[in-house]
Protein backbone atom coordinates (compact mmCIF):
# COMPACT_ATOMS: atom_id res chain seq x y z
CA MET A 1 -29.13 -34.66 35.62
CA GLU A 2 -29.58 -31.10 36.78
CA ALA A 3 -26.91 -28.48 36.18
CA LYS A 4 -26.65 -27.66 39.88
CA HIS A 5 -25.93 -31.33 40.63
CA LEU A 6 -23.14 -31.33 38.05
CA ARG A 7 -21.64 -28.22 39.63
CA THR A 8 -21.80 -29.88 43.05
CA PHE A 9 -20.10 -33.00 41.70
CA ILE A 10 -17.31 -30.96 40.03
CA THR A 11 -16.66 -28.95 43.21
CA THR A 12 -16.56 -32.11 45.34
CA VAL A 13 -14.07 -33.77 42.99
CA GLU A 14 -11.85 -30.70 42.79
CA LEU A 15 -11.78 -30.20 46.58
CA GLU A 16 -11.61 -33.95 47.29
CA SER A 17 -13.98 -33.50 50.21
CA PHE A 18 -17.71 -33.42 50.88
CA THR A 19 -17.09 -31.11 53.82
CA ARG A 20 -15.02 -28.56 51.88
CA ALA A 21 -17.48 -28.70 48.95
CA ALA A 22 -20.37 -28.02 51.33
CA ARG A 23 -18.51 -25.03 52.79
CA ARG A 24 -17.64 -23.63 49.31
CA LEU A 25 -21.21 -24.03 48.00
CA GLY A 26 -22.98 -22.91 51.17
CA LEU A 27 -24.76 -26.26 51.55
CA SER A 28 -24.92 -28.86 54.27
CA GLN A 29 -22.77 -31.97 53.96
CA SER A 30 -25.93 -34.08 53.83
CA ALA A 31 -27.20 -32.01 50.87
CA ILE A 32 -23.94 -32.71 49.05
CA SER A 33 -24.23 -36.42 49.76
CA GLN A 34 -27.85 -36.43 48.62
CA GLN A 35 -27.03 -34.77 45.28
CA ILE A 36 -24.14 -37.14 44.60
CA GLY A 37 -26.34 -40.07 45.55
CA THR A 38 -29.06 -38.90 43.17
CA GLN A 39 -26.58 -38.83 40.30
CA GLU A 40 -25.27 -42.29 41.16
CA ARG A 41 -28.79 -43.71 41.17
CA GLN A 42 -29.61 -42.07 37.85
CA LEU A 43 -26.46 -43.42 36.20
CA GLY A 44 -26.46 -46.75 38.02
CA VAL A 45 -22.76 -46.53 38.94
CA LYS A 46 -20.63 -45.42 41.87
CA LEU A 47 -19.03 -42.04 41.18
CA LEU A 48 -17.09 -41.23 44.36
CA VAL A 49 -15.45 -43.21 47.13
CA ARG A 50 -14.18 -41.95 50.46
CA ASN A 51 -10.90 -42.99 52.03
CA GLY A 52 -8.80 -41.77 54.87
CA ARG A 53 -7.33 -38.95 52.80
CA GLY A 54 -10.62 -37.62 51.38
CA THR A 55 -12.83 -38.30 48.36
CA LYS A 56 -11.67 -39.84 45.09
CA THR A 57 -13.41 -40.54 41.78
CA THR A 58 -14.13 -44.02 40.51
CA PRO A 59 -13.36 -44.76 36.83
CA ALA A 60 -17.01 -43.88 36.03
CA GLY A 61 -16.71 -40.74 38.15
CA GLU A 62 -13.61 -39.68 36.24
CA ILE A 63 -15.53 -39.95 32.97
CA LEU A 64 -18.42 -37.89 34.34
CA PHE A 65 -16.02 -35.29 35.74
CA HIS A 66 -14.44 -34.84 32.30
CA TYR A 67 -17.78 -34.29 30.53
CA ALA A 68 -19.44 -32.39 33.38
CA LYS A 69 -16.77 -29.68 33.16
CA GLN A 70 -17.43 -29.30 29.43
CA ILE A 71 -21.21 -29.20 29.90
CA VAL A 72 -21.07 -26.59 32.66
CA ALA A 73 -18.55 -24.49 30.70
CA LYS A 74 -20.85 -24.49 27.66
CA MET A 75 -23.85 -23.55 29.80
CA ASP A 76 -21.91 -20.65 31.32
CA GLU A 77 -20.81 -19.55 27.85
CA ALA A 78 -24.42 -19.65 26.60
CA GLN A 79 -25.56 -17.53 29.53
CA ARG A 80 -22.82 -14.97 28.86
CA MET A 81 -23.68 -14.81 25.16
CA ILE A 82 -27.38 -14.35 25.89
CA ALA A 83 -26.63 -11.61 28.41
CA GLU A 84 -24.38 -9.80 25.93
CA TYR A 85 -26.96 -10.27 23.17
CA ASP A 86 -29.58 -8.50 25.26
CA GLU A 87 -27.42 -5.84 26.85
CA ARG A 88 -24.93 -4.90 24.15
CA GLY A 89 -26.48 -5.93 20.87
CA THR A 90 -24.05 -8.73 20.20
CA GLY A 91 -25.11 -12.06 18.79
CA ARG A 92 -27.02 -12.79 15.61
CA ILE A 93 -29.96 -11.00 14.02
CA ARG A 94 -31.77 -12.60 11.07
CA ILE A 95 -33.54 -10.23 8.69
CA GLY A 96 -35.89 -11.08 5.83
CA ALA A 97 -36.85 -8.82 2.92
CA GLY A 98 -37.60 -8.91 -0.81
CA GLY A 99 -34.79 -9.05 -3.32
CA ALA A 100 -35.31 -5.47 -4.49
CA SER A 101 -35.43 -4.24 -0.90
CA CYS A 102 -32.17 -6.05 -0.18
CA GLU A 103 -30.59 -4.31 -3.15
CA HIS A 104 -31.95 -0.77 -2.77
CA LEU A 105 -33.29 -0.19 0.77
CA LEU A 106 -31.47 -2.31 3.33
CA PRO A 107 -27.78 -1.60 2.56
CA SER A 108 -27.66 1.86 4.14
CA VAL A 109 -29.65 0.65 7.17
CA LEU A 110 -27.40 -2.36 7.65
CA GLN A 111 -24.31 -0.21 7.25
CA GLU A 112 -25.48 2.10 10.04
CA PHE A 113 -26.55 -0.81 12.22
CA GLY A 114 -23.17 -2.48 11.78
CA ALA A 115 -21.42 0.75 12.76
CA ARG A 116 -23.48 1.01 15.95
CA PHE A 117 -23.32 -2.68 16.84
CA PRO A 118 -20.06 -4.02 15.40
CA LYS A 119 -20.26 -7.24 17.44
CA SER A 120 -23.56 -8.28 15.90
CA GLU A 121 -23.70 -11.00 13.28
CA ILE A 122 -26.20 -9.96 10.60
CA ARG A 123 -27.85 -12.51 8.32
CA VAL A 124 -30.17 -11.39 5.52
CA VAL A 125 -32.52 -13.78 3.70
CA SER A 126 -34.29 -12.55 0.57
CA GLY A 127 -37.83 -13.52 -0.39
CA HIS A 128 -41.16 -11.89 -1.21
CA SER A 129 -43.44 -10.80 1.64
CA ASP A 130 -45.42 -14.05 1.96
CA LEU A 131 -42.25 -16.11 2.10
CA THR A 132 -40.71 -13.71 4.61
CA LEU A 133 -43.81 -14.05 6.79
CA ASP A 134 -43.65 -17.84 6.66
CA ARG A 135 -39.99 -17.76 7.71
CA LEU A 136 -40.73 -15.26 10.47
CA LEU A 137 -43.53 -17.35 11.97
CA ALA A 138 -41.41 -20.51 11.68
CA GLY A 139 -38.74 -18.86 13.82
CA ASP A 140 -36.19 -18.70 10.99
CA LEU A 141 -36.13 -14.88 11.08
CA ASP A 142 -36.10 -12.30 13.87
CA VAL A 143 -37.53 -9.42 11.85
CA GLY A 144 -38.98 -9.06 8.36
CA MET A 145 -39.67 -6.14 6.04
CA ILE A 146 -43.14 -6.78 4.63
CA SER A 147 -45.87 -5.02 2.68
CA LEU A 148 -49.32 -4.45 4.18
CA PRO A 149 -52.07 -5.37 4.61
CA SER A 150 -51.33 -8.85 5.90
CA GLU A 151 -53.89 -11.34 7.15
CA THR A 152 -51.22 -13.25 9.07
CA THR A 153 -51.88 -13.38 12.81
CA GLY A 154 -49.31 -13.48 15.58
CA LEU A 155 -47.33 -10.50 14.31
CA GLN A 156 -46.21 -7.22 15.80
CA THR A 157 -45.80 -4.62 13.05
CA PHE A 158 -44.04 -1.25 12.94
CA ASP A 159 -45.25 1.15 10.24
CA LEU A 160 -42.74 2.45 7.69
CA GLY A 161 -45.07 4.44 5.45
CA SER A 162 -45.85 3.87 1.77
CA ASP A 163 -44.14 3.65 -1.58
CA GLU A 164 -45.46 4.14 -5.13
CA LEU A 165 -45.41 1.72 -8.03
CA MET A 166 -44.36 3.23 -11.34
CA ALA A 167 -44.81 2.30 -14.99
CA ILE A 168 -41.50 1.99 -16.82
CA ALA A 169 -40.92 1.80 -20.56
CA PRO A 170 -38.02 2.22 -23.01
CA GLY A 171 -36.89 5.82 -23.39
CA SER A 172 -38.23 5.91 -26.95
CA HIS A 173 -41.68 4.55 -25.97
CA ALA A 174 -44.80 6.66 -26.47
CA TRP A 175 -45.26 6.77 -22.68
CA LYS A 176 -42.42 9.28 -22.47
CA ASP A 177 -44.86 11.95 -23.62
CA LEU A 178 -47.47 11.06 -20.99
CA ARG A 179 -47.66 12.71 -17.59
CA ARG A 180 -49.34 9.59 -16.16
CA VAL A 181 -49.91 6.16 -17.70
CA PRO A 182 -53.61 5.11 -17.77
CA LEU A 183 -54.23 1.50 -16.80
CA GLU A 184 -55.77 0.74 -20.20
CA GLU A 185 -52.36 1.39 -21.80
CA PHE A 186 -51.19 -1.94 -20.37
CA ALA A 187 -53.71 -3.81 -22.52
CA THR A 188 -51.62 -3.29 -25.66
CA SER A 189 -48.03 -3.32 -24.39
CA PRO A 190 -46.08 -6.54 -23.72
CA LEU A 191 -45.67 -6.76 -19.95
CA ILE A 192 -42.48 -7.84 -18.21
CA VAL A 193 -43.45 -9.11 -14.75
CA TYR A 194 -41.04 -8.84 -11.85
CA GLU A 195 -41.77 -11.30 -9.02
CA LYS A 196 -45.26 -12.49 -9.90
CA ARG A 197 -45.81 -13.58 -6.27
CA SER A 198 -44.83 -10.19 -4.88
CA SER A 199 -47.17 -7.67 -3.27
CA ALA A 200 -46.30 -5.16 -5.99
CA PHE A 201 -47.58 -7.35 -8.80
CA ARG A 202 -50.61 -8.41 -6.74
CA LEU A 203 -51.58 -4.75 -6.20
CA PHE A 204 -51.07 -3.94 -9.88
CA GLU A 205 -53.00 -7.01 -11.03
CA GLU A 206 -55.96 -6.17 -8.78
CA ALA A 207 -56.09 -2.67 -10.26
CA LEU A 208 -56.12 -4.12 -13.79
CA VAL A 209 -58.86 -6.65 -12.97
CA ARG A 210 -61.10 -3.91 -11.52
CA GLU A 211 -60.87 -2.14 -14.88
CA GLY A 212 -61.34 -5.35 -16.89
CA ILE A 213 -57.85 -5.15 -18.37
CA PHE A 214 -55.88 -8.30 -19.15
CA PRO A 215 -52.33 -7.54 -20.31
CA LYS A 216 -50.17 -9.76 -22.46
CA ILE A 217 -47.39 -11.08 -20.22
CA SER A 218 -44.29 -11.60 -22.32
CA MET A 219 -41.81 -12.43 -19.56
CA GLU A 220 -41.62 -13.28 -15.85
CA LEU A 221 -38.39 -12.53 -13.98
CA ASP A 222 -37.29 -12.79 -10.34
CA HIS A 223 -34.46 -10.26 -10.55
CA LEU A 224 -35.23 -6.54 -10.68
CA GLY A 225 -32.06 -5.68 -12.60
CA ALA A 226 -33.00 -8.20 -15.29
CA ALA A 227 -36.47 -6.66 -15.60
CA VAL A 228 -34.94 -3.21 -16.04
CA GLY A 229 -32.51 -4.56 -18.63
CA MET A 230 -35.32 -6.10 -20.68
CA VAL A 231 -37.25 -2.82 -20.63
CA LYS A 232 -34.15 -0.93 -21.75
CA ALA A 233 -33.78 -3.39 -24.62
CA GLY A 234 -37.29 -2.51 -25.81
CA ILE A 235 -38.78 -5.95 -25.11
CA GLY A 236 -41.68 -4.63 -23.06
CA VAL A 237 -42.90 -2.43 -20.22
CA SER A 238 -43.00 -3.14 -16.51
CA VAL A 239 -44.17 -1.92 -13.11
CA LEU A 240 -41.57 -1.39 -10.40
CA PRO A 241 -41.18 0.61 -7.17
CA ARG A 242 -40.29 4.27 -7.58
CA TRP A 243 -37.28 3.92 -5.25
CA ALA A 244 -35.80 1.25 -7.54
CA VAL A 245 -36.11 3.11 -10.86
CA GLU A 246 -36.42 6.87 -10.23
CA SER A 247 -32.70 7.47 -10.74
CA LEU A 248 -32.84 5.74 -14.15
CA SER A 249 -35.19 8.30 -15.66
CA SER A 250 -32.42 10.91 -15.82
CA THR A 251 -30.39 8.79 -18.26
CA GLY A 252 -33.07 8.84 -20.95
CA ASP A 253 -32.88 5.05 -21.36
CA ILE A 254 -36.13 4.54 -19.46
CA ALA A 255 -39.34 6.53 -19.04
CA VAL A 256 -40.71 6.39 -15.48
CA ARG A 257 -44.32 7.50 -14.97
CA PRO A 258 -47.04 7.27 -12.29
CA ILE A 259 -49.90 4.85 -12.96
CA GLY A 260 -53.56 5.82 -13.33
CA ARG A 261 -55.33 8.89 -12.07
CA SER A 262 -54.31 8.56 -8.42
CA GLY A 263 -51.30 6.25 -8.54
CA LEU A 264 -50.68 2.83 -7.00
CA PHE A 265 -49.38 2.85 -3.45
CA ARG A 266 -48.62 0.09 -0.94
CA LYS A 267 -47.84 0.22 2.77
CA TRP A 268 -44.72 -1.19 4.39
CA ALA A 269 -43.84 -2.37 7.88
CA LEU A 270 -41.21 -4.16 9.86
CA ALA A 271 -42.64 -7.26 11.55
CA THR A 272 -41.63 -9.49 14.44
CA ARG A 273 -43.42 -12.39 16.12
CA ALA A 274 -45.89 -10.99 18.64
CA GLU A 275 -45.10 -13.58 21.29
CA GLY A 276 -41.35 -13.59 20.78
CA HIS A 277 -38.84 -11.87 23.04
CA MET A 278 -37.25 -8.92 21.26
CA SER A 279 -33.56 -8.78 22.05
CA HIS A 280 -31.73 -5.50 22.27
CA SER A 281 -30.36 -6.07 18.75
CA VAL A 282 -33.82 -6.59 17.24
CA LYS A 283 -35.23 -3.55 19.05
CA ALA A 284 -32.30 -1.48 17.84
CA PHE A 285 -32.74 -2.63 14.24
CA VAL A 286 -36.49 -1.91 14.32
CA ASN A 287 -35.91 1.57 15.73
CA LEU A 288 -33.22 2.27 13.14
CA GLY A 289 -35.50 1.00 10.35
CA ILE A 290 -38.32 3.28 11.50
CA GLU A 291 -35.86 6.16 11.36
CA LEU A 292 -34.10 5.47 8.04
CA LEU A 293 -36.45 3.49 5.80
CA PRO A 294 -39.43 5.89 5.29
CA PRO A 295 -37.36 8.51 3.41
CA LEU A 296 -35.91 5.76 1.19
CA LEU A 297 -39.39 4.46 0.33
CA THR A 298 -40.68 7.85 -0.78
CA VAL A 299 -37.49 9.02 -2.58
C-alpha cells in the first residue's frame, strides 16, 4: 500500500465522509473512492461502509486505521529527522580511524565538532586503515581517517598532509646519542611491533626489505600505550608516529629519533564513499578535519 493511500484512508475515517475527505485533500470524490477500493482489493476485506450518517469503519478497517496512523507518523518523523540531519547537522555520524588516531588525534576534533553541532550523535569505530576502508565501503561508516596511497576504488578523499614515523628506544639506549637512526640499526635490536597490519608498519617493513634488513620481532601489540610501556621497560625498540611519542622524549624515559637519511613519511586523508550523499554533518566534520588535523599530524 502506498503512503498517500494510507493518508487518504485516515482522513476519510477521521472526517467520516468521502466528500469532506475529498475537499480536505483537494481530490475528487471518485479519486477517494478509487484509492479506498484499491486498498480493499489489496487486503481482500471491506474497510469502510456508508450509511445515512456518513462513513464508518468495518472491524478490519478499524485495525488498519490504528496501524496506518502509526505508519504515517513514523514516516513523517523520518522525514523530519532527515531534514534536520541535512540542514542542522543533527542525527548520527559514524567515524572510523586507527586506535592511535582515536587516542591522540581525534579527541580535539570531536570536541570542537560536538560544540558546533551539539545535537549530533557521534560514533567512533577504531581499526587500522584497511579495516576502516572495508567498513566505509560496506556502509558501516560515513567517514574514515586513512593513510595513503590506497588502491581502493569508489572513494572520495580529502588530503590532510603527512606525518613522520620515528624510532623509539629506552632512554638509556645507545640511540640516544644518534641524531638519526640508520635502518641497519634495526637488524640487531629486538623490535616491538605495534599493529602489524597498520600502514605504519607496512611502510617501515618495505623500507627494511629494500635494504635487505630483517629485524628480530620480539613482540606484537595492538595497543600503542602498551608498546610504549614495553620500550620504557627496556624490552626492545619500536617505530611509532611522531605525534604519539614526541612529548615523551622530554621525560628522558624514551629516546625519539628520525629514521634513515631522509625519514619515513606517510600521507593521510579523510575518505567518504564517492557515490554516497554527504549530509551536512559529514561535510562539516570533513571541513573541520581539514582545518584541525594537519597541525596535529606534524606536531
